Protein backbone atom coordinates (compact mmCIF):
# COMPACT_ATOMS: atom_id res chain seq x y z
CA MET A 1 -6.33 -11.95 -13.48
CA THR A 2 -9.23 -14.25 -12.65
CA GLU A 3 -12.93 -13.78 -13.33
CA GLU A 4 -13.56 -13.83 -9.57
CA LEU A 5 -11.12 -10.98 -9.05
CA VAL A 6 -12.67 -8.96 -11.90
CA ARG A 7 -16.12 -9.49 -10.38
CA LYS A 8 -14.87 -8.23 -7.01
CA LEU A 9 -13.58 -5.07 -8.67
CA GLU A 10 -16.88 -4.63 -10.53
CA TYR A 11 -18.82 -5.15 -7.30
CA GLY A 12 -16.77 -2.47 -5.58
CA PHE A 13 -17.22 0.06 -8.36
CA MET A 14 -20.95 -0.70 -8.54
CA HIS A 15 -21.14 0.17 -4.83
CA ASP A 16 -19.27 3.47 -5.21
CA PHE A 17 -15.90 2.26 -3.94
CA ASN A 18 -12.95 4.31 -5.18
CA ILE A 19 -10.02 2.59 -6.91
CA THR A 20 -8.08 2.12 -3.68
CA GLU A 21 -11.07 0.56 -1.93
CA CYS A 22 -11.78 -1.73 -4.89
CA CYS A 23 -8.20 -2.90 -5.00
CA GLU A 24 -8.15 -3.57 -1.26
CA TYR A 25 -11.43 -5.47 -1.54
CA ALA A 26 -10.09 -7.56 -4.43
CA GLY A 27 -6.70 -8.05 -2.80
CA ILE A 28 -4.54 -6.41 -5.47
CA SER A 29 -2.37 -3.30 -5.57
CA ARG A 30 -3.35 -0.08 -7.30
CA ASP A 31 -0.32 -0.53 -9.57
CA THR A 32 -1.61 -3.93 -10.67
CA TYR A 33 -5.05 -2.49 -11.36
CA HIS A 34 -3.65 0.39 -13.43
CA SER A 35 -1.38 -1.98 -15.31
CA TRP A 36 -4.34 -4.20 -16.23
CA VAL A 37 -6.39 -1.19 -17.34
CA LYS A 38 -3.54 -0.01 -19.54
CA GLU A 39 -2.81 -3.44 -21.05
CA ASN A 40 -6.30 -4.91 -21.45
CA GLU A 41 -8.98 -2.95 -23.29
CA ASP A 42 -11.79 -5.40 -22.41
CA PHE A 43 -10.91 -5.18 -18.72
CA SER A 44 -10.72 -1.39 -18.94
CA ASP A 45 -14.17 -1.24 -20.59
CA ARG A 46 -15.69 -3.50 -17.92
CA MET A 47 -14.29 -1.32 -15.16
CA GLU A 48 -15.62 1.87 -16.80
CA ARG A 49 -19.09 0.32 -17.13
CA ALA A 50 -18.96 -0.77 -13.49
CA ARG A 51 -17.85 2.70 -12.38
CA SER A 52 -20.81 4.34 -14.13
CA ASP A 53 -23.36 1.74 -12.99
CA LEU A 54 -24.42 3.40 -9.72
CA LYS A 55 -24.99 6.78 -11.37
CA ARG A 56 -26.98 5.12 -14.15
CA ARG A 57 -29.15 3.22 -11.65
CA ALA A 58 -29.72 6.39 -9.61
CA LYS A 59 -30.95 8.15 -12.74
CA VAL A 60 -33.39 5.31 -13.42
CA VAL A 61 -34.72 5.43 -9.85
CA LEU A 62 -35.16 9.21 -10.06
CA ALA A 63 -36.90 9.02 -13.43
CA GLU A 64 -39.23 6.26 -12.22
CA SER A 65 -40.05 8.27 -9.11
CA ILE A 66 -40.91 11.31 -11.21
CA ASN A 67 -42.95 9.15 -13.59
CA ASP A 68 -44.86 7.87 -10.55
CA GLY A 69 -45.76 11.46 -9.68
CA ASN A 70 -43.22 12.34 -6.99
CA ILE A 71 -43.40 16.14 -7.02
CA ASP A 72 -40.39 16.64 -4.72
CA ASP A 73 -38.13 14.64 -7.03
CA ALA A 74 -39.48 16.52 -10.05
CA LYS A 75 -38.74 19.86 -8.36
CA TRP A 76 -35.27 18.68 -7.35
CA LEU A 77 -34.44 17.72 -10.93
CA LEU A 78 -35.79 20.96 -12.40
CA GLU A 79 -33.87 23.06 -9.86
CA ARG A 80 -30.67 21.44 -11.09
CA ARG A 81 -31.33 20.89 -14.79
CA ALA A 82 -33.33 24.05 -15.56
CA LYS A 83 -31.74 26.44 -13.07
CA LYS A 84 -32.69 29.59 -14.92
CA GLU A 85 -36.40 28.83 -14.71
CA TYR A 86 -36.64 26.79 -11.50
CA SER A 87 -33.71 27.61 -9.21
CA THR A 88 -34.59 28.42 -5.62
CA LYS A 89 -31.61 30.77 -5.41
CA GLN A 90 -32.68 34.32 -4.71
CA ASP A 91 -30.93 37.43 -5.97
CA ILE A 92 -31.26 40.39 -3.65
CA ASP A 93 -30.78 43.96 -4.78
CA MET A 94 -30.38 46.69 -2.18
CA VAL A 95 -31.54 50.22 -2.78
CA ILE A 96 -30.40 52.99 -0.47
CA GLY A 97 -32.23 56.16 -1.24
CA ASN A 98 -32.42 56.26 -5.01
CA ARG A 99 -29.12 54.46 -5.56
CA GLU A 100 -28.45 50.75 -5.96
CA GLU A 101 -25.42 49.59 -4.03
CA THR A 102 -23.22 46.59 -4.65
CA VAL A 103 -21.88 44.57 -1.76
CA LYS A 104 -18.39 46.01 -2.29
CA GLU A 105 -19.73 49.56 -2.21
CA LEU A 106 -21.64 48.80 0.98
CA GLU A 107 -18.53 47.30 2.55
CA GLY A 108 -16.70 50.52 1.75
CA LEU A 109 -19.50 52.69 3.08
CA PHE A 110 -19.65 50.83 6.38
CA ASN A 111 -15.92 50.02 6.53
CA CYS A 112 -16.58 46.33 7.08
CA THR A 113 -16.22 42.95 5.45
CA PRO A 114 -18.81 40.18 5.45
CA LYS A 115 -18.48 37.39 7.99
CA SER A 116 -17.68 33.96 6.61
CA ASN A 117 -19.02 30.70 8.04
CA GLY A 118 -20.56 32.49 10.99
CA GLN A 119 -17.15 33.50 12.34
CA THR A 120 -16.00 37.03 13.07
């Protein structure tokens, strides 16, 4: 295991390569990679840090964008992190006459099933 090879693996992980792609890029087998991870704690730690790098950088970019006043990014984050208060999902209740109906009850009433993916 050379420093150059380790850097190639880190580069791959930092660019969202999966393990197979990283190994191909570095010119080693997956078995070799897994063996090194198992046998070398420092190597394993470096690979884990590299694997989380892109996500960490994306979080920084998003936070900086929000701090700069980007309303769309702020909404996006709230819709995902505070779903109860900010989700754009809509719940629809149907009332027929004075009675609320569930989807299953409506299916039974009309003897039908909902279409999936636009197909009949």
